[in-house]
Amino acid sequence: MIDLIFNFKDELSGLFKSMMKDCDEWDSETRACAADYYWSLQSFNFEFLLEVFSAVPPKAEILFGILQKKIYDVGCCKQKTGDFVGDLINVRDSFDTIWSKMERSCENLEMRT
């Protein structure tokens, strides 16, 4: 799901924005929900967390696939698990870089905290 939102964030924002404005097609409750989703997608916190967590699931899927197969021995699985932990450490260590990137990109957008 994170991957889907990460890849289609702009399209989702456009959809929710159009739903907010279309009084003929959507009832007030649906428009209110669309507005909440729209502003959530525009928030700095959401954008930041999406950026951070979008890096994790693809790597977790690879590890999960390897661990589910019987063709790999324990040593290989241990190595791949170690690689995954290293990837998580890299994401953690890139916190400041991602934060700075998000601050720069949000200066030009209508992001709320």
Protein backbone atom coordinates (compact mmCIF):
# COMPACT_ATOMS: atom_id res chain seq x y z
CA MET A 1 0.00 0.00 0.00
CA ILE A 2 2.84 2.42 0.80
CA ASP A 3 4.34 1.75 -2.60
CA LEU A 4 1.01 2.47 -4.28
CA ILE A 5 0.55 5.77 -2.46
CA PHE A 6 4.20 6.73 -3.08
CA ASN A 7 3.91 6.07 -6.81
CA PHE A 8 0.48 7.68 -7.29
CA LYS A 9 0.47 10.46 -4.69
CA ASP A 10 -0.08 13.22 -7.25
CA GLU A 11 -2.94 11.34 -8.90
CA LEU A 12 -4.56 10.62 -5.52
CA SER A 13 -4.21 14.28 -4.55
CA GLY A 14 -5.87 15.30 -7.80
CA LEU A 15 -8.69 12.84 -7.29
CA PHE A 16 -9.38 13.97 -3.73
CA LYS A 17 -9.18 17.63 -4.74
CA SER A 18 -11.71 17.10 -7.54
CA MET A 19 -13.99 15.17 -5.17
CA MET A 20 -13.86 18.06 -2.68
CA LYS A 21 -15.16 20.48 -5.30
CA ASP A 22 -17.78 18.32 -7.03
CA CYS A 23 -21.00 18.97 -5.11
CA ASP A 24 -23.17 17.30 -7.78
CA GLU A 25 -21.38 13.95 -7.77
CA TRP A 26 -20.47 13.52 -4.07
CA ASP A 27 -22.38 14.02 -0.83
CA SER A 28 -21.03 16.28 1.91
CA GLU A 29 -19.64 13.42 4.01
CA THR A 30 -17.68 12.02 1.06
CA ARG A 31 -16.38 15.49 0.18
CA ALA A 32 -15.30 16.00 3.81
CA CYS A 33 -13.44 12.68 3.80
CA ALA A 34 -11.80 13.56 0.48
CA ALA A 35 -10.69 16.89 1.97
CA ASP A 36 -9.16 15.11 4.97
CA TYR A 37 -7.32 12.68 2.69
CA TYR A 38 -6.18 15.51 0.44
CA TRP A 39 -4.75 17.56 3.29
CA SER A 40 -3.17 14.48 4.84
CA LEU A 41 -1.36 13.81 1.56
CA GLN A 42 -0.20 17.45 1.54
CA SER A 43 1.13 17.44 5.10
CA PHE A 44 4.85 17.55 5.73
CA ASN A 45 4.68 14.73 8.27
CA PHE A 46 2.87 12.40 5.89
CA GLU A 47 5.18 13.25 3.01
CA PHE A 48 8.25 12.70 5.17
CA LEU A 49 7.07 9.37 6.54
CA LEU A 50 6.02 8.24 3.07
CA GLU A 51 9.50 9.04 1.79
CA VAL A 52 11.16 7.12 4.64
CA PHE A 53 8.91 4.08 4.62
CA SER A 54 8.69 3.72 0.84
CA ALA A 55 12.24 2.37 0.93
CA VAL A 56 11.46 -0.48 3.33
CA PRO A 57 8.68 -2.67 1.80
CA PRO A 58 10.44 -3.51 -1.49
CA LYS A 59 13.48 -4.74 0.44
CA ALA A 60 11.29 -6.61 2.93
CA GLU A 61 9.47 -8.33 0.04
CA ILE A 62 12.78 -9.53 -1.40
CA LEU A 63 13.86 -10.91 1.98
CA PHE A 64 10.45 -12.51 2.55
CA GLY A 65 10.65 -14.22 -0.86
CA ILE A 66 14.09 -15.60 -0.10
CA LEU A 67 13.13 -16.86 3.35
CA GLN A 68 10.05 -18.64 1.97
CA LYS A 69 12.02 -20.69 -0.55
CA LYS A 70 13.47 -24.01 0.49
CA ILE A 71 16.38 -23.79 -1.95
CA TYR A 72 18.40 -21.40 0.22
CA ASP A 73 20.57 -22.68 3.06
CA VAL A 74 20.75 -21.14 6.52
CA GLY A 75 23.97 -19.29 5.72
CA CYS A 76 22.43 -17.60 2.69
CA CYS A 77 19.30 -16.65 4.66
CA LYS A 78 21.47 -15.26 7.45
CA GLN A 79 23.41 -13.18 4.91
CA LYS A 80 20.24 -11.86 3.28
CA THR A 81 18.76 -11.01 6.69
CA GLY A 82 21.96 -9.16 7.54
CA ASP A 83 21.73 -7.29 4.22
CA PHE A 84 18.16 -6.26 5.08
CA VAL A 85 19.22 -5.03 8.52
CA GLY A 86 21.97 -3.04 6.79
CA ASP A 87 19.38 -1.52 4.46
CA LEU A 88 17.26 -0.49 7.46
CA ILE A 89 20.32 1.06 9.10
CA ASN A 90 20.99 3.01 5.89
CA VAL A 91 17.41 4.32 5.92
CA ARG A 92 17.80 5.32 9.56
CA ASP A 93 21.15 7.00 8.85
CA SER A 94 19.69 8.94 5.93
CA PHE A 95 17.13 10.61 8.21
CA ASP A 96 18.78 14.04 8.06
CA THR A 97 19.21 13.87 4.29
CA ILE A 98 15.57 12.93 3.76
CA TRP A 99 14.45 15.62 6.22
CA SER A 100 16.43 18.30 4.35
CA LYS A 101 15.11 17.09 0.99
CA MET A 102 11.55 17.27 2.28
CA GLU A 103 12.05 20.76 3.70
CA ARG A 104 13.35 21.98 0.34
CA SER A 105 10.55 20.36 -1.63
CA CYS A 106 7.87 21.63 0.76
CA GLU A 107 8.97 25.24 0.36
CA ASN A 108 7.35 25.21 -3.09
CA LEU A 109 4.24 23.23 -2.13
CA GLU A 110 1.20 23.97 -0.03
CA MET A 111 2.24 21.60 2.74
CA ARG A 112 0.90 21.83 6.26
CA THR A 113 2.52 20.53 9.42
